[in-house]
Amino acid sequence: MRASLTALFQACTVLFFLALGLATASSAGAQSAAPPNTPIAQKALAYEVISIAENKSGAQNSGFRTASDGIVLTNASLDWLVRSAFGIISDDQLSGLPGWVDSDHFDLQAKMDAETAAAWKSSSRQQKTQMQQQLIQSLLTDRCQLKFHHETRQLPVYDLVIAKSGLKIKEVTVEGGKTWMGDGEFGSDAATMENMIFSLSGELGRVIIDKTGLGEERFEIKLKWTPDEQQGSADAGPGLFPALEEQLGLKLVPSHGPVDTVVIDRMEKPTPN
């Protein structure tokens, strides 16, 4: 059961951040600093309205939805929320959670104030990632007395390197543009390796470390693969690993490396309101 819930979380996390149009800040764990170029950079971010209550219905379905001014969780564990607060990709990146965080379910609604929502709409993807994490961390600190610290640990990772066949993607000079991800598909008009790494890390459930040496260079990327659960069908294409090499000239190599992890020191059940 735990393995299936973890797999479900990883899939939902990818969809959640893609729905918000976000990208990760670091392959070793995103930081919670306020975005440097938003109109409220000096303001401590927090949701204006938070409603939370334990859901004891026993229903099997959990859900969430996002809007431009907040989030809504229905019959969901706060394990999901903690992982979203820190951009957690693999289980090894998070420790110290009390058992109730995974087992107890809650209904939650959180809304930004008008100023924060306006700043959100005008922010870049990078800034939205930082804002979202800071907002959720503030929520958990206020309602669950969350206390935590970071530790760097050596964990299983994938190194992203240029394949021996050479790079097969076109460098572009524009910034921004459209980025998308679907079932077995990632594409962008102008993505950095960092942008692509976020989506693929969520797909694989493991941190990817960029060792291509391409830095902030941007590329036009179109990557298609057949997910593992669809392999074996008559029209199945290549899996993610061979697709990366064949279509982009990139390769994922299993390795171990330093990864930012989060240790939960304290987290209490939220008081309902």
C-alpha atoms as a PDB file:
ATOM      1  CA  MET A   1       0.000   0.000   0.000  1.00  0.00           C
ATOM      2  CA  ARG A   2       2.763   2.462   0.895  1.00  0.00           C
ATOM      3  CA  ALA A   3       4.482   1.856  -2.459  1.00  0.00           C
ATOM      4  CA  SER A   4       1.262   2.473  -4.370  1.00  0.00           C
ATOM      5  CA  LEU A   5       0.541   5.674  -2.436  1.00  0.00           C
ATOM      6  CA  THR A   6       4.074   6.896  -3.111  1.00  0.00           C
ATOM      7  CA  ALA A   7       3.696   6.240  -6.821  1.00  0.00           C
ATOM      8  CA  LEU A   8       0.346   8.057  -6.803  1.00  0.00           C
ATOM      9  CA  PHE A   9       1.894  11.020  -5.004  1.00  0.00           C
ATOM     10  CA  GLN A  10       4.731  11.272  -7.504  1.00  0.00           C
ATOM     11  CA  ALA A  11       2.290  11.305 -10.410  1.00  0.00           C
ATOM     12  CA  CYS A  12       0.054  13.887  -8.714  1.00  0.00           C
ATOM     13  CA  THR A  13       3.013  16.084  -7.808  1.00  0.00           C
ATOM     14  CA  VAL A  14       4.106  16.302 -11.439  1.00  0.00           C
ATOM     15  CA  LEU A  15       0.578  17.225 -12.529  1.00  0.00           C
ATOM     16  CA  PHE A  16       0.219  19.721  -9.679  1.00  0.00           C
ATOM     17  CA  PHE A  17       3.317  21.711 -10.530  1.00  0.00           C
ATOM     18  CA  LEU A  18       2.699  21.518 -14.257  1.00  0.00           C
ATOM     19  CA  ALA A  19      -0.826  22.823 -13.700  1.00  0.00           C
ATOM     20  CA  LEU A  20       0.668  25.798 -11.931  1.00  0.00           C
ATOM     21  CA  GLY A  21       3.214  26.294 -14.731  1.00  0.00           C
ATOM     22  CA  LEU A  22       6.182  25.802 -12.406  1.00  0.00           C
ATOM     23  CA  ALA A  23       9.762  24.656 -12.765  1.00  0.00           C
ATOM     24  CA  THR A  24      12.237  23.603 -10.116  1.00  0.00           C
ATOM     25  CA  ALA A  25      14.979  25.878  -8.811  1.00  0.00           C
ATOM     26  CA  SER A  26      17.582  23.190  -8.183  1.00  0.00           C
ATOM     27  CA  SER A  27      18.129  19.493  -8.900  1.00  0.00           C
ATOM     28  CA  ALA A  28      19.262  19.138  -5.297  1.00  0.00           C
ATOM     29  CA  GLY A  29      16.105  20.584  -3.737  1.00  0.00           C
ATOM     30  CA  ALA A  30      14.409  23.953  -4.153  1.00  0.00           C
ATOM     31  CA  GLN A  31      15.042  26.672  -1.605  1.00  0.00           C
ATOM     32  CA  SER A  32      12.315  28.645   0.141  1.00  0.00           C
ATOM     33  CA  ALA A  33      13.720  32.158  -0.321  1.00  0.00           C
ATOM     34  CA  ALA A  34      11.312  34.841  -1.516  1.00  0.00           C
ATOM     35  CA  PRO A  35      11.457  35.524  -5.270  1.00  0.00           C
ATOM     36  CA  PRO A  36      13.928  38.369  -5.874  1.00  0.00           C
ATOM     37  CA  ASN A  37      12.038  40.233  -8.592  1.00  0.00           C
ATOM     38  CA  THR A  38       8.411  40.138  -7.513  1.00  0.00           C
ATOM     39  CA  PRO A  39       6.571  43.208  -6.196  1.00  0.00           C
ATOM     40  CA  ILE A  40       6.332  41.567  -2.770  1.00  0.00           C
ATOM     41  CA  ALA A  41       9.898  40.283  -2.515  1.00  0.00           C
ATOM     42  CA  GLN A  42      10.324  41.733   0.979  1.00  0.00           C
ATOM     43  CA  LYS A  43       6.969  40.478   2.245  1.00  0.00           C
ATOM     44  CA  ALA A  44       6.695  37.274   4.280  1.00  0.00           C
ATOM     45  CA  LEU A  45       4.346  35.198   2.149  1.00  0.00           C
ATOM     46  CA  ALA A  46       1.328  33.581   3.771  1.00  0.00           C
ATOM     47  CA  TYR A  47      -2.168  32.615   2.689  1.00  0.00           C
ATOM     48  CA  GLU A  48      -4.748  35.164   3.782  1.00  0.00           C
ATOM     49  CA  VAL A  49      -7.527  32.625   4.410  1.00  0.00           C
ATOM     50  CA  ILE A  50      -7.013  29.041   5.549  1.00  0.00           C
ATOM     51  CA  SER A  51      -9.789  26.601   6.343  1.00  0.00           C
ATOM     52  CA  ILE A  52      -8.894  23.092   7.493  1.00  0.00           C
ATOM     53  CA  ALA A  53     -10.804  20.201   9.061  1.00  0.00           C
ATOM     54  CA  GLU A  54     -10.170  16.494   9.457  1.00  0.00           C
ATOM     55  CA  ASN A  55     -12.063  14.296   6.997  1.00  0.00           C
ATOM     56  CA  LYS A  56     -13.329  11.135   8.699  1.00  0.00           C
ATOM     57  CA  SER A  57     -15.570   9.968   5.885  1.00  0.00           C
ATOM     58  CA  GLY A  58     -13.407   6.945   5.128  1.00  0.00           C
ATOM     59  CA  ALA A  59     -13.790   7.638   1.411  1.00  0.00           C
ATOM     60  CA  GLN A  60     -11.089   6.178  -0.835  1.00  0.00           C
ATOM     61  CA  ASN A  61     -10.851   9.103  -3.235  1.00  0.00           C
ATOM     62  CA  SER A  62      -8.580  12.061  -2.545  1.00  0.00           C
ATOM     63  CA  GLY A  63      -8.340  15.183  -4.618  1.00  0.00           C
ATOM     64  CA  PHE A  64      -6.853  18.591  -5.096  1.00  0.00           C
ATOM     65  CA  ARG A  65      -7.308  21.510  -7.400  1.00  0.00           C
ATOM     66  CA  THR A  66      -5.435  24.720  -7.924  1.00  0.00           C
ATOM     67  CA  ALA A  67      -6.441  28.237  -8.829  1.00  0.00           C
ATOM     68  CA  SER A  68      -4.623  31.476  -9.456  1.00  0.00           C
ATOM     69  CA  ASP A  69      -5.239  32.492  -5.849  1.00  0.00           C
ATOM     70  CA  GLY A  70      -4.889  29.280  -3.830  1.00  0.00           C
ATOM     71  CA  ILE A  71      -5.259  25.530  -3.408  1.00  0.00           C
ATOM     72  CA  VAL A  72      -8.010  23.117  -2.353  1.00  0.00           C
ATOM     73  CA  LEU A  73      -7.445  19.628  -0.923  1.00  0.00           C
ATOM     74  CA  THR A  74     -10.269  17.166  -0.369  1.00  0.00           C
ATOM     75  CA  ASN A  75      -9.852  14.071   1.815  1.00  0.00           C
ATOM     76  CA  ALA A  76      -6.063  14.284   1.368  1.00  0.00           C
ATOM     77  CA  SER A  77      -3.169  13.493   3.680  1.00  0.00           C
ATOM     78  CA  LEU A  78      -0.840  16.308   4.719  1.00  0.00           C
ATOM     79  CA  ASP A  79       2.075  14.133   3.632  1.00  0.00           C
ATOM     80  CA  TRP A  80       1.280  15.391   0.149  1.00  0.00           C
ATOM     81  CA  LEU A  81       1.312  19.002   1.333  1.00  0.00           C
ATOM     82  CA  VAL A  82       4.662  18.674   3.127  1.00  0.00           C
ATOM     83  CA  ARG A  83       6.271  17.176   0.042  1.00  0.00           C
ATOM     84  CA  SER A  84       4.911  20.002  -2.092  1.00  0.00           C
ATOM     85  CA  ALA A  85       6.246  22.576   0.387  1.00  0.00           C
ATOM     86  CA  PHE A  86       9.830  21.423  -0.176  1.00  0.00           C
ATOM     87  CA  GLY A  87       9.749  20.110  -3.748  1.00  0.00           C
ATOM     88  CA  ILE A  88      10.392  16.556  -2.539  1.00  0.00           C
ATOM     89  CA  ILE A  89      11.036  14.128  -5.390  1.00  0.00           C
ATOM     90  CA  SER A  90      12.052  10.883  -3.648  1.00  0.00           C
ATOM     91  CA  ASP A  91      11.168   9.399  -0.245  1.00  0.00           C
ATOM     92  CA  ASP A  92      14.827   9.591   0.781  1.00  0.00           C
ATOM     93  CA  GLN A  93      14.646  13.393   0.760  1.00  0.00           C
ATOM     94  CA  LEU A  94      12.185  13.584   3.659  1.00  0.00           C
ATOM     95  CA  SER A  95      12.380  12.112   7.165  1.00  0.00           C
ATOM     96  CA  GLY A  96      10.880  12.611  10.600  1.00  0.00           C
ATOM     97  CA  LEU A  97       7.211  12.857   9.648  1.00  0.00           C
ATOM     98  CA  PRO A  98       4.825  11.641  12.389  1.00  0.00           C
ATOM     99  CA  GLY A  99       2.617   8.712  11.365  1.00  0.00           C
ATOM    100  CA  TRP A 100      -0.644  10.681  11.367  1.00  0.00           C
ATOM    101  CA  VAL A 101       0.623  12.882   8.512  1.00  0.00           C
ATOM    102  CA  ASP A 102       0.258   9.945   6.128  1.00  0.00           C
ATOM    103  CA  SER A 103      -2.749   8.193   7.671  1.00  0.00           C
ATOM    104  CA  ASP A 104      -5.142  11.036   8.597  1.00  0.00           C
ATOM    105  CA  HIS A 105      -7.021  12.907   5.890  1.00  0.00           C
ATOM    106  CA  PHE A 106      -8.123  16.539   5.788  1.00  0.00           C
ATOM    107  CA  ASP A 107     -10.170  19.018   3.789  1.00  0.00           C
ATOM    108  CA  LEU A 108      -8.258  22.244   3.232  1.00  0.00           C
ATOM    109  CA  GLN A 109      -8.814  25.533   1.429  1.00  0.00           C
ATOM    110  CA  ALA A 110      -6.142  28.239   1.263  1.00  0.00           C
ATOM    111  CA  LYS A 111      -6.401  31.574  -0.566  1.00  0.00           C
ATOM    112  CA  MET A 112      -3.892  34.337  -1.211  1.00  0.00           C
ATOM    113  CA  ASP A 113      -4.682  37.984  -0.595  1.00  0.00           C
ATOM    114  CA  ALA A 114      -5.236  40.200  -3.648  1.00  0.00           C
ATOM    115  CA  GLU A 115      -1.686  41.619  -3.599  1.00  0.00           C
ATOM    116  CA  THR A 116      -0.035  38.198  -3.477  1.00  0.00           C
ATOM    117  CA  ALA A 117      -2.351  36.794  -6.160  1.00  0.00           C
ATOM    118  CA  ALA A 118      -1.537  39.735  -8.448  1.00  0.00           C
ATOM    119  CA  ALA A 119       2.200  39.250  -7.908  1.00  0.00           C
ATOM    120  CA  TRP A 120       1.766  35.523  -8.591  1.00  0.00           C
ATOM    121  CA  LYS A 121       0.143  36.177 -11.966  1.00  0.00           C
ATOM    122  CA  SER A 122       2.980  38.471 -13.073  1.00  0.00           C
ATOM    123  CA  SER A 123       5.804  36.210 -11.850  1.00  0.00           C
ATOM    124  CA  SER A 124       8.043  33.868 -13.804  1.00  0.00           C
ATOM    125  CA  ARG A 125       7.844  30.106 -13.416  1.00  0.00           C
ATOM    126  CA  GLN A 126      10.939  30.185 -11.222  1.00  0.00           C
ATOM    127  CA  GLN A 127       9.390  32.794  -8.956  1.00  0.00           C
ATOM    128  CA  LYS A 128       6.078  30.931  -8.774  1.00  0.00           C
ATOM    129  CA  THR A 129       7.893  27.814  -7.575  1.00  0.00           C
ATOM    130  CA  GLN A 130       9.530  29.737  -4.748  1.00  0.00           C
ATOM    131  CA  MET A 131       6.315  31.530  -3.834  1.00  0.00           C
ATOM    132  CA  GLN A 132       4.290  28.308  -3.745  1.00  0.00           C
ATOM    133  CA  GLN A 133       6.772  26.575  -1.474  1.00  0.00           C
ATOM    134  CA  GLN A 134       7.016  29.538   0.884  1.00  0.00           C
ATOM    135  CA  LEU A 135       3.226  29.842   1.089  1.00  0.00           C
ATOM    136  CA  ILE A 136       2.785  26.175   1.998  1.00  0.00           C
ATOM    137  CA  GLN A 137       5.660  26.242   4.481  1.00  0.00           C
ATOM    138  CA  SER A 138       4.054  29.262   6.144  1.00  0.00           C
ATOM    139  CA  LEU A 139       0.718  27.424   6.294  1.00  0.00           C
ATOM    140  CA  LEU A 140       2.283  24.377   7.928  1.00  0.00           C
ATOM    141  CA  THR A 141       4.287  26.508  10.373  1.00  0.00           C
ATOM    142  CA  ASP A 142       1.176  28.437  11.419  1.00  0.00           C
ATOM    143  CA  ARG A 143      -1.323  25.589  11.618  1.00  0.00           C
ATOM    144  CA  CYS A 144       0.887  22.583  12.440  1.00  0.00           C
ATOM    145  CA  GLN A 145       3.778  24.226  14.346  1.00  0.00           C
ATOM    146  CA  LEU A 146       6.137  22.829  11.734  1.00  0.00           C
ATOM    147  CA  LYS A 147       9.838  22.913  12.570  1.00  0.00           C
ATOM    148  CA  PHE A 148      12.467  21.457  10.243  1.00  0.00           C
ATOM    149  CA  HIS A 149      16.091  21.589   9.180  1.00  0.00           C
ATOM    150  CA  HIS A 150      18.055  20.662   6.058  1.00  0.00           C
ATOM    151  CA  GLU A 151      20.750  17.993   5.761  1.00  0.00           C
ATOM    152  CA  THR A 152      22.844  17.065   2.732  1.00  0.00           C
ATOM    153  CA  ARG A 153      23.022  13.298   2.208  1.00  0.00           C
ATOM    154  CA  GLN A 154      24.541  10.974  -0.361  1.00  0.00           C
ATOM    155  CA  LEU A 155      21.598   9.362  -2.156  1.00  0.00           C
ATOM    156  CA  PRO A 156      20.884   7.459  -5.383  1.00  0.00           C
ATOM    157  CA  VAL A 157      20.575   9.947  -8.247  1.00  0.00           C
ATOM    158  CA  TYR A 158      20.768  10.063 -11.997  1.00  0.00           C
ATOM    159  CA  ASP A 159      23.511  12.093 -13.676  1.00  0.00           C
ATOM    160  CA  LEU A 160      22.347  13.763 -16.874  1.00  0.00           C
ATOM    161  CA  VAL A 161      25.233  13.727 -19.378  1.00  0.00           C
ATOM    162  CA  ILE A 162      25.698  14.263 -23.108  1.00  0.00           C
ATOM    163  CA  ALA A 163      25.625  10.904 -24.892  1.00  0.00           C
ATOM    164  CA  LYS A 164      28.585   9.675 -26.943  1.00  0.00           C
ATOM    165  CA  SER A 165      26.521  10.236 -30.092  1.00  0.00           C
ATOM    166  CA  GLY A 166      26.523  13.972 -29.337  1.00  0.00           C
ATOM    167  CA  LEU A 167      23.838  16.541 -28.579  1.00  0.00           C
ATOM    168  CA  LYS A 168      20.843  16.436 -30.945  1.00  0.00           C
ATOM    169  CA  ILE A 169      18.845  19.488 -29.867  1.00  0.00           C
ATOM    170  CA  LYS A 170      18.815  23.018 -31.267  1.00  0.00           C
ATOM    171  CA  GLU A 171      20.053  25.902 -29.139  1.00  0.00           C
ATOM    172  CA  VAL A 172      17.831  29.002 -29.178  1.00  0.00           C
ATOM    173  CA  THR A 173      18.422  32.560 -28.014  1.00  0.00           C
ATOM    174  CA  VAL A 174      14.866  33.432 -26.940  1.00  0.00           C
ATOM    175  CA  GLU A 175      13.661  33.210 -23.350  1.00  0.00           C
ATOM    176  CA  GLY A 176      10.278  32.122 -22.118  1.00  0.00           C
ATOM    177  CA  GLY A 177       8.037  30.417 -24.620  1.00  0.00           C
ATOM    178  CA  LYS A 178       5.808  27.429 -24.110  1.00  0.00           C
ATOM    179  CA  THR A 179       6.711  24.361 -22.051  1.00  0.00           C
ATOM    180  CA  TRP A 180       4.465  21.310 -21.750  1.00  0.00           C
ATOM    181  CA  MET A 181       4.433  17.778 -20.433  1.00  0.00           C
ATOM    182  CA  GLY A 182       1.928  15.011 -21.019  1.00  0.00           C
ATOM    183  CA  ASP A 183       1.764  11.246 -20.840  1.00  0.00           C
ATOM    184  CA  GLY A 184       5.107  10.210 -22.318  1.00  0.00           C
ATOM    185  CA  GLU A 185       5.905  13.638 -23.691  1.00  0.00           C
ATOM    186  CA  PHE A 186       7.966  16.697 -22.756  1.00  0.00           C
ATOM    187  CA  GLY A 187       8.448  19.738 -24.945  1.00  0.00           C
ATOM    188  CA  SER A 188       9.601  23.317 -24.791  1.00  0.00           C
ATOM    189  CA  ASP A 189      10.330  26.225 -27.108  1.00  0.00           C
ATOM    190  CA  ALA A 190      13.231  27.392 -24.938  1.00  0.00           C
ATOM    191  CA  ALA A 191      14.119  25.104 -22.017  1.00  0.00           C
ATOM    192  CA  THR A 192      17.284  24.901 -19.963  1.00  0.00           C
ATOM    193  CA  MET A 193      18.498  21.526 -18.744  1.00  0.00           C
ATOM    194  CA  GLU A 194      17.203  22.578 -15.326  1.00  0.00           C
ATOM    195  CA  ASN A 195      13.673  22.991 -16.710  1.00  0.00           C
ATOM    196  CA  MET A 196      13.652  19.533 -18.252  1.00  0.00           C
ATOM    197  CA  ILE A 197      15.272  17.932 -15.216  1.00  0.00           C
ATOM    198  CA  PHE A 198      12.372  18.977 -12.984  1.00  0.00           C
ATOM    199  CA  SER A 199       9.780  17.209 -15.082  1.00  0.00           C
ATOM    200  CA  LEU A 200      11.891  14.088 -15.597  1.00  0.00           C
ATOM    201  CA  SER A 201      12.808  13.891 -11.906  1.00  0.00           C
ATOM    202  CA  GLY A 202       9.125  13.746 -11.048  1.00  0.00           C
ATOM    203  CA  GLU A 203       8.588  11.093 -13.714  1.00  0.00           C
ATOM    204  CA  LEU A 204      11.408   8.910 -12.356  1.00  0.00           C
ATOM    205  CA  GLY A 205      10.984   9.671  -8.645  1.00  0.00           C
ATOM    206  CA  ARG A 206      14.685  10.374  -8.286  1.00  0.00           C
ATOM    207  CA  VAL A 207      16.816  13.519  -8.233  1.00  0.00           C
ATOM    208  CA  ILE A 208      18.641  14.236 -11.487  1.00  0.00           C
ATOM    209  CA  ILE A 209      21.923  16.152 -11.373  1.00  0.00           C
ATOM    210  CA  ASP A 210      22.900  18.148 -14.435  1.00  0.00           C
ATOM    211  CA  LYS A 211      26.380  17.171 -15.594  1.00  0.00           C
ATOM    212  CA  THR A 212      25.984  18.238 -19.211  1.00  0.00           C
ATOM    213  CA  GLY A 213      27.934  21.468 -18.719  1.00  0.00           C
ATOM    214  CA  LEU A 214      25.256  23.328 -20.695  1.00  0.00           C
ATOM    215  CA  GLY A 215      24.441  25.722 -17.858  1.00  0.00           C
ATOM    216  CA  GLU A 216      21.725  28.261 -18.677  1.00  0.00           C
ATOM    217  CA  GLU A 217      21.744  27.628 -22.429  1.00  0.00           C
ATOM    218  CA  ARG A 218      18.249  27.192 -23.836  1.00  0.00           C
ATOM    219  CA  PHE A 219      17.092  24.581 -26.326  1.00  0.00           C
ATOM    220  CA  GLU A 220      14.086  23.647 -28.386  1.00  0.00           C
ATOM    221  CA  ILE A 221      13.124  20.231 -27.036  1.00  0.00           C
ATOM    222  CA  LYS A 222      10.616  17.628 -28.214  1.00  0.00           C
ATOM    223  CA  LEU A 223      10.859  14.336 -26.353  1.00  0.00           C
ATOM    224  CA  LYS A 224       8.440  11.419 -26.673  1.00  0.00           C
ATOM    225  CA  TRP A 225       8.569   8.025 -24.993  1.00  0.00           C
ATOM    226  CA  THR A 226       6.303   5.155 -23.985  1.00  0.00           C
ATOM    227  CA  PRO A 227       5.757   4.998 -20.193  1.00  0.00           C
ATOM    228  CA  ASP A 228       6.704   1.749 -18.467  1.00  0.00           C
ATOM    229  CA  GLU A 229       3.082   0.741 -17.859  1.00  0.00           C
ATOM    230  CA  GLN A 230       2.392   0.927 -21.615  1.00  0.00           C
ATOM    231  CA  GLN A 231       5.437  -1.058 -22.697  1.00  0.00           C
ATOM    232  CA  GLY A 232       4.540  -4.342 -24.385  1.00  0.00           C
ATOM    233  CA  SER A 233       1.655  -2.954 -26.412  1.00  0.00           C
ATOM    234  CA  ALA A 234       1.723  -3.365 -30.169  1.00  0.00           C
ATOM    235  CA  ASP A 235       2.450   0.292 -30.864  1.00  0.00           C
ATOM    236  CA  ALA A 236       4.863   0.863 -27.962  1.00  0.00           C
ATOM    237  CA  GLY A 237       7.766   3.178 -28.686  1.00  0.00           C
ATOM    238  CA  PRO A 238      11.067   3.525 -26.815  1.00  0.00           C
ATOM    239  CA  GLY A 239      11.151   3.977 -23.057  1.00  0.00           C
ATOM    240  CA  LEU A 240      12.364   7.191 -21.475  1.00  0.00           C
ATOM    241  CA  PHE A 241      16.037   6.222 -21.236  1.00  0.00           C
ATOM    242  CA  PRO A 242      16.549   5.198 -24.886  1.00  0.00           C
ATOM    243  CA  ALA A 243      14.304   8.053 -26.083  1.00  0.00           C
ATOM    244  CA  LEU A 244      16.520  10.607 -24.357  1.00  0.00           C
ATOM    245  CA  GLU A 245      19.579   9.280 -26.122  1.00  0.00           C
ATOM    246  CA  GLU A 246      17.998   8.709 -29.530  1.00  0.00           C
ATOM    247  CA  GLN A 247      16.049  11.973 -29.753  1.00  0.00           C
ATOM    248  CA  LEU A 248      18.060  14.460 -27.671  1.00  0.00           C
ATOM    249  CA  GLY A 249      21.562  13.016 -27.458  1.00  0.00           C
ATOM    250  CA  LEU A 250      21.362  12.932 -23.648  1.00  0.00           C
ATOM    251  CA  LYS A 251      21.832  10.064 -21.221  1.00  0.00           C
ATOM    252  CA  LEU A 252      20.802   9.288 -17.644  1.00  0.00           C
ATOM    253  CA  VAL A 253      23.470   7.450 -15.672  1.00  0.00           C
ATOM    254  CA  PRO A 254      22.666   5.881 -12.249  1.00  0.00           C
ATOM    255  CA  SER A 255      24.937   7.347  -9.588  1.00  0.00           C
ATOM    256  CA  HIS A 256      25.147   8.629  -6.011  1.00  0.00           C
ATOM    257  CA  GLY A 257      25.461  12.284  -5.136  1.00  0.00           C
ATOM    258  CA  PRO A 258      24.823  14.993  -2.558  1.00  0.00           C
ATOM    259  CA  VAL A 259      21.117  15.730  -2.229  1.00  0.00           C
ATOM    260  CA  ASP A 260      19.401  18.320  -0.060  1.00  0.00           C
ATOM    261  CA  THR A 261      17.031  16.568   2.355  1.00  0.00           C
ATOM    262  CA  VAL A 262      14.475  17.875   4.844  1.00  0.00           C
ATOM    263  CA  VAL A 263      14.243  16.569   8.410  1.00  0.00           C
ATOM    264  CA  ILE A 264      10.981  17.289  10.227  1.00  0.00           C
ATOM    265  CA  ASP A 265      11.706  18.135  13.884  1.00  0.00           C
ATOM    266  CA  ARG A 266       8.119  18.847  14.916  1.00  0.00           C
ATOM    267  CA  MET A 267       4.669  18.731  13.325  1.00  0.00           C
ATOM    268  CA  GLU A 268       1.376  18.768  15.251  1.00  0.00           C
ATOM    269  CA  LYS A 269      -2.130  18.008  14.010  1.00  0.00           C
ATOM    270  CA  PRO A 270      -3.765  21.215  12.786  1.00  0.00           C
ATOM    271  CA  THR A 271      -6.561  22.721  14.845  1.00  0.00           C
ATOM    272  CA  PRO A 272      -9.781  22.790  12.787  1.00  0.00           C
ATOM    273  CA  ASN A 273     -11.624  25.970  11.828  1.00  0.00           C
END
